[in-house]
């Protein structure tokens, strides 16, 4: 697959990280295969999670093809860039086409990035997952790499104004041990294993994060932050 747009976008993103003064801690990047298909199953806490998790894959010389909602591809500016980087459009009214496109990419040896929670978690905890990551991993016979991004919510997240000031925010990206599934496994079982791996890795990232969580709006209630709990978010939606 020819990549003319992706290298240019990477240069812009790296320049943006330098401007913000972000302090990166990336662990587990050696688990990203240098060749062959794989799924990065990523938690979702902010609008920059795509670019931040993709940055973690660059040392492995891999470009991540993200599954992203169709509205981004419809944007006059973002759309051409998304298509140029060979990301995968997800139309929630017709999910089969995006599933097939992702399956083809995986079988062609691409790394596909998926946010299995589908939308940003306002509690900053792991929400219930959609089954796409598990079904793709089983169908394409590729490993799932549980991936946690932490700190991105402090820059730009749902319900808050973006903050692009140069605060030198610590950003953690951890990539966990690969999960492999046989064709005999039930999708629900594989999905539960992905969720458990994400939850455990999230706690590890939070335990090792350099800034204090207590009293912070960007921290989950479990750690003494003021973000709503999962139950509170669900009750708001209900």
Protein backbone atom coordinates (compact mmCIF):
# COMPACT_ATOMS: atom_id res chain seq x y z
CA UNK A 1 0.00 0.00 0.00
CA UNK A 2 1.50 3.31 -1.10
CA UNK A 3 1.66 5.98 1.60
CA UNK A 4 2.16 9.49 0.27
CA UNK A 5 -0.03 11.35 2.77
CA UNK A 6 0.75 9.52 6.03
CA UNK A 7 4.46 10.57 6.28
CA UNK A 8 3.51 14.21 5.77
CA UNK A 9 0.81 14.02 8.47
CA UNK A 10 3.26 12.32 10.85
CA UNK A 11 5.67 15.24 10.45
CA UNK A 12 2.88 17.70 11.28
CA UNK A 13 1.76 15.67 14.30
CA UNK A 14 5.28 15.37 15.68
CA UNK A 15 5.71 19.13 15.31
CA UNK A 16 2.42 19.64 17.16
CA UNK A 17 3.57 17.38 20.02
CA UNK A 18 6.78 19.41 20.29
CA UNK A 19 4.79 22.65 20.34
CA UNK A 20 2.61 21.33 23.18
CA UNK A 21 5.69 20.09 25.02
CA UNK A 22 4.08 16.70 25.71
CA UNK A 23 6.07 14.34 27.93
CA UNK A 24 5.68 10.85 26.49
CA UNK A 25 5.98 7.55 28.31
CA UNK A 26 5.54 4.71 25.82
CA UNK A 27 5.83 1.11 26.93
CA UNK A 28 5.31 -2.14 25.08
CA UNK A 29 5.94 -0.77 21.58
CA UNK A 30 8.16 -3.79 20.92
CA UNK A 31 4.96 -5.88 20.97
CA UNK A 32 3.78 -4.31 17.73
CA UNK A 33 4.75 -6.76 14.98
CA UNK A 34 7.14 -5.45 12.35
CA UNK A 35 5.09 -7.19 9.68
CA UNK A 36 1.72 -8.91 9.40
CA UNK A 37 -1.75 -7.98 10.53
CA UNK A 38 -2.65 -6.95 14.07
CA UNK A 39 -5.38 -5.05 15.90
CA UNK A 40 -4.68 -2.26 18.35
CA UNK A 41 -7.71 -2.18 20.69
CA UNK A 42 -7.50 1.26 22.29
CA UNK A 43 -9.38 2.92 25.13
CA UNK A 44 -11.05 6.20 24.20
CA UNK A 45 -10.79 9.23 26.48
CA UNK A 46 -10.03 12.13 24.13
CA UNK A 47 -10.06 13.37 20.56
CA UNK A 48 -6.28 12.97 20.14
CA UNK A 49 -6.21 9.25 20.99
CA UNK A 50 -5.84 8.39 17.29
CA UNK A 51 -2.68 10.39 16.80
CA UNK A 52 -1.18 9.52 20.18
CA UNK A 53 -1.58 5.76 19.84
CA UNK A 54 -0.36 5.99 16.25
CA UNK A 55 2.77 7.76 17.48
CA UNK A 56 3.51 4.75 19.68
CA UNK A 57 3.55 2.50 16.60
CA UNK A 58 6.09 4.54 14.66
CA UNK A 59 9.22 2.94 16.22
CA UNK A 60 7.97 -0.39 14.78
CA UNK A 61 7.79 1.37 11.39
CA UNK A 62 4.06 0.71 11.20
CA UNK A 63 1.26 3.03 10.16
CA UNK A 64 -2.01 2.30 11.94
CA UNK A 65 -5.18 2.26 9.83
CA UNK A 66 -7.94 3.49 12.13
CA UNK A 67 -11.60 2.67 11.99
CA UNK A 68 -13.32 6.04 12.36
CA UNK A 69 -16.85 7.32 12.03
CA UNK A 70 -18.07 8.33 8.60
CA UNK A 71 -18.66 11.96 9.64
CA UNK A 72 -14.89 12.54 9.81
CA UNK A 73 -14.50 11.30 6.23
CA UNK A 74 -17.31 13.65 5.16
CA UNK A 75 -15.40 16.66 6.47
CA UNK A 76 -13.91 18.79 3.65
CA UNK A 77 -10.50 19.03 5.36
CA UNK A 78 -10.21 15.84 7.38
CA UNK A 79 -11.85 13.60 4.79
CA UNK A 80 -9.11 13.72 2.12
CA UNK A 81 -6.45 13.21 4.79
CA UNK A 82 -8.28 10.21 6.26
CA UNK A 83 -8.66 8.61 2.85
CA UNK A 84 -5.06 9.43 1.96
CA UNK A 85 -3.87 7.62 5.08
CA UNK A 86 -6.07 4.63 4.19
CA UNK A 87 -8.14 4.78 7.35
CA UNK A 88 -11.44 2.89 7.37
CA UNK A 89 -14.78 4.68 7.34
CA UNK A 90 -17.42 3.32 9.70
CA UNK A 91 -21.04 3.97 8.80
CA UNK A 92 -23.05 2.88 11.83
CA UNK A 93 -26.13 2.43 9.65
CA UNK A 94 -24.25 -0.03 7.46
CA UNK A 95 -21.48 -1.65 9.46
CA UNK A 96 -20.89 -4.64 7.23
CA UNK A 97 -18.92 -2.67 4.62
CA UNK A 98 -16.49 -1.28 7.19
CA UNK A 99 -16.09 -4.75 8.74
CA UNK A 100 -15.18 -6.22 5.37
CA UNK A 101 -12.76 -3.36 4.66
CA UNK A 102 -11.03 -3.88 8.01
CA UNK A 103 -10.88 -7.63 7.46
CA UNK A 104 -9.22 -7.12 4.09
CA UNK A 105 -6.70 -4.70 5.59
CA UNK A 106 -5.78 -7.17 8.34
CA UNK A 107 -5.40 -10.04 5.89
CA UNK A 108 -3.19 -7.79 3.77
CA UNK A 109 -0.88 -7.38 6.78
CA UNK A 110 -1.99 -3.98 8.07
CA UNK A 111 -2.23 -2.82 11.70
CA UNK A 112 -5.81 -1.71 12.30
CA UNK A 113 -6.68 0.60 15.19
CA UNK A 114 -10.05 0.11 16.84
CA UNK A 115 -11.74 1.94 19.71
CA UNK A 116 -13.97 -0.90 20.94
CA UNK A 117 -15.88 1.40 23.30
CA UNK A 118 -17.01 3.21 20.11
CA UNK A 119 -17.29 6.64 21.78
CA UNK A 120 -15.30 8.66 24.31
CA UNK A 121 -15.73 7.49 27.90
CA UNK A 122 -16.74 10.51 30.00
CA UNK A 123 -15.97 8.54 33.16
CA UNK A 124 -12.44 7.80 31.85
CA UNK A 125 -13.07 4.16 32.74
CA UNK A 126 -13.45 1.27 30.28
CA UNK A 127 -17.04 1.15 29.06
CA UNK A 128 -18.81 -1.88 27.64
CA UNK A 129 -17.22 -2.93 24.35
CA UNK A 130 -18.60 -3.48 20.88
CA UNK A 131 -17.82 -6.90 19.41
CA UNK A 132 -15.99 -5.70 16.29
CA UNK A 133 -12.43 -6.12 17.58
CA UNK A 134 -13.08 -9.67 18.74
CA UNK A 135 -14.89 -10.65 15.53
CA UNK A 136 -12.14 -9.20 13.35
CA UNK A 137 -9.37 -10.88 15.34
CA UNK A 138 -11.09 -14.24 15.00
CA UNK A 139 -11.98 -13.75 11.34
CA UNK A 140 -8.52 -12.55 10.26
CA UNK A 141 -6.58 -14.75 12.71
CA UNK A 142 -4.50 -11.83 13.99
CA UNK A 143 -3.48 -10.81 17.53
CA UNK A 144 -5.18 -8.08 19.53
CA UNK A 145 -2.87 -5.60 21.24
CA UNK A 146 -4.65 -4.00 24.24
CA UNK A 147 -3.58 -0.35 24.19
CA UNK A 148 -4.12 2.34 26.81
CA UNK A 149 -3.73 6.08 26.26
CA UNK A 150 -3.72 8.27 29.36
CA UNK A 151 -3.42 12.05 29.67
CA UNK A 152 -5.04 12.91 26.34
CA UNK A 153 -8.28 13.85 28.10
CA UNK A 154 -6.43 16.78 29.67
CA UNK A 155 -5.89 18.32 26.22
CA UNK A 156 -9.17 17.71 24.41
CA UNK A 157 -12.13 15.58 25.38
CA UNK A 158 -15.89 15.47 25.10
CA UNK A 159 -17.78 18.19 26.93
CA UNK A 160 -14.77 20.44 27.58
CA UNK A 161 -13.00 23.12 25.58
CA UNK A 162 -9.72 22.02 24.05
CA UNK A 163 -6.58 23.24 25.77
CA UNK A 164 -3.65 23.59 23.39
CA UNK A 165 -1.57 25.64 25.83
CA UNK A 166 1.97 24.45 26.44
CA UNK A 167 1.51 22.77 29.81
CA UNK A 168 3.88 19.84 29.19
CA UNK A 169 1.15 17.32 29.95
CA UNK A 170 2.41 13.77 30.63
CA UNK A 171 1.07 11.34 28.05
CA UNK A 172 1.26 7.59 28.64
CA UNK A 173 0.72 4.99 25.94
CA UNK A 174 1.06 1.36 27.05
CA UNK A 175 0.71 -1.63 24.74
CA UNK A 176 -0.11 -4.88 26.49
CA UNK A 177 0.62 -8.52 25.77
CA UNK A 178 -0.97 -9.75 22.53
CA UNK A 179 -4.23 -11.69 22.84
CA UNK A 180 -4.72 -14.54 20.37
CA UNK A 181 -8.00 -16.27 19.71
CA UNK A 182 -8.80 -19.51 17.93
CA UNK A 183 -11.75 -19.81 15.58
CA UNK A 184 -13.45 -22.03 18.13
CA UNK A 185 -13.73 -19.29 20.76
CA UNK A 186 -17.06 -17.54 21.24
CA UNK A 187 -17.06 -13.85 20.36
CA UNK A 188 -18.45 -12.93 23.79
CA UNK A 189 -15.58 -14.74 25.52
CA UNK A 190 -12.96 -13.02 23.36
CA UNK A 191 -14.65 -9.66 23.97
CA UNK A 192 -14.58 -10.23 27.74
CA UNK A 193 -10.87 -11.05 27.57
CA UNK A 194 -10.14 -7.84 25.66
CA UNK A 195 -12.11 -5.79 28.20
CA UNK A 196 -10.33 -7.42 31.14
CA UNK A 197 -6.92 -6.79 29.56
CA UNK A 198 -7.79 -3.13 28.96
CA UNK A 199 -9.01 -2.66 32.53
CA UNK A 200 -5.87 -4.20 34.02
CA UNK A 201 -3.58 -2.19 31.77
CA UNK A 202 -5.48 1.03 32.52
CA UNK A 203 -4.86 0.54 36.24
CA UNK A 204 -1.17 -0.07 35.62
CA UNK A 205 -0.88 3.10 33.55
CA UNK A 206 -2.70 5.12 36.20
CA UNK A 207 -0.54 3.69 39.00
CA UNK A 208 2.61 4.76 37.13
CA UNK A 209 1.32 8.13 35.92
CA UNK A 210 3.51 10.96 37.28
CA UNK A 211 0.73 13.44 38.16
CA UNK A 212 -1.69 13.18 41.08
CA UNK A 213 -5.24 12.13 40.18
CA UNK A 214 -7.00 13.13 43.38
CA UNK A 215 -9.28 16.14 42.97
CA UNK A 216 -8.71 16.43 39.21
CA UNK A 217 -11.57 16.78 36.71
CA UNK A 218 -9.73 14.49 34.30
CA UNK A 219 -9.42 11.63 36.78
CA UNK A 220 -11.99 8.88 37.46
CA UNK A 221 -13.94 8.87 40.70
CA UNK A 222 -12.23 5.59 41.62
CA UNK A 223 -8.95 7.51 42.00
CA UNK A 224 -10.47 10.47 43.82
CA UNK A 225 -11.12 12.50 40.69
CA UNK A 226 -14.30 14.41 39.98
CA UNK A 227 -15.26 12.70 36.71
CA UNK A 228 -18.67 10.98 36.78
CA UNK A 229 -18.78 7.26 37.42
CA UNK A 230 -19.79 4.78 34.75
CA UNK A 231 -23.14 4.37 36.47
CA UNK A 232 -23.71 8.13 36.56
CA UNK A 233 -22.91 8.48 32.86
CA UNK A 234 -25.33 5.66 32.04
CA UNK A 235 -28.08 7.26 34.14
CA UNK A 236 -27.58 10.57 32.32
CA UNK A 237 -28.07 8.80 28.99
CA UNK A 238 -31.14 7.02 30.29
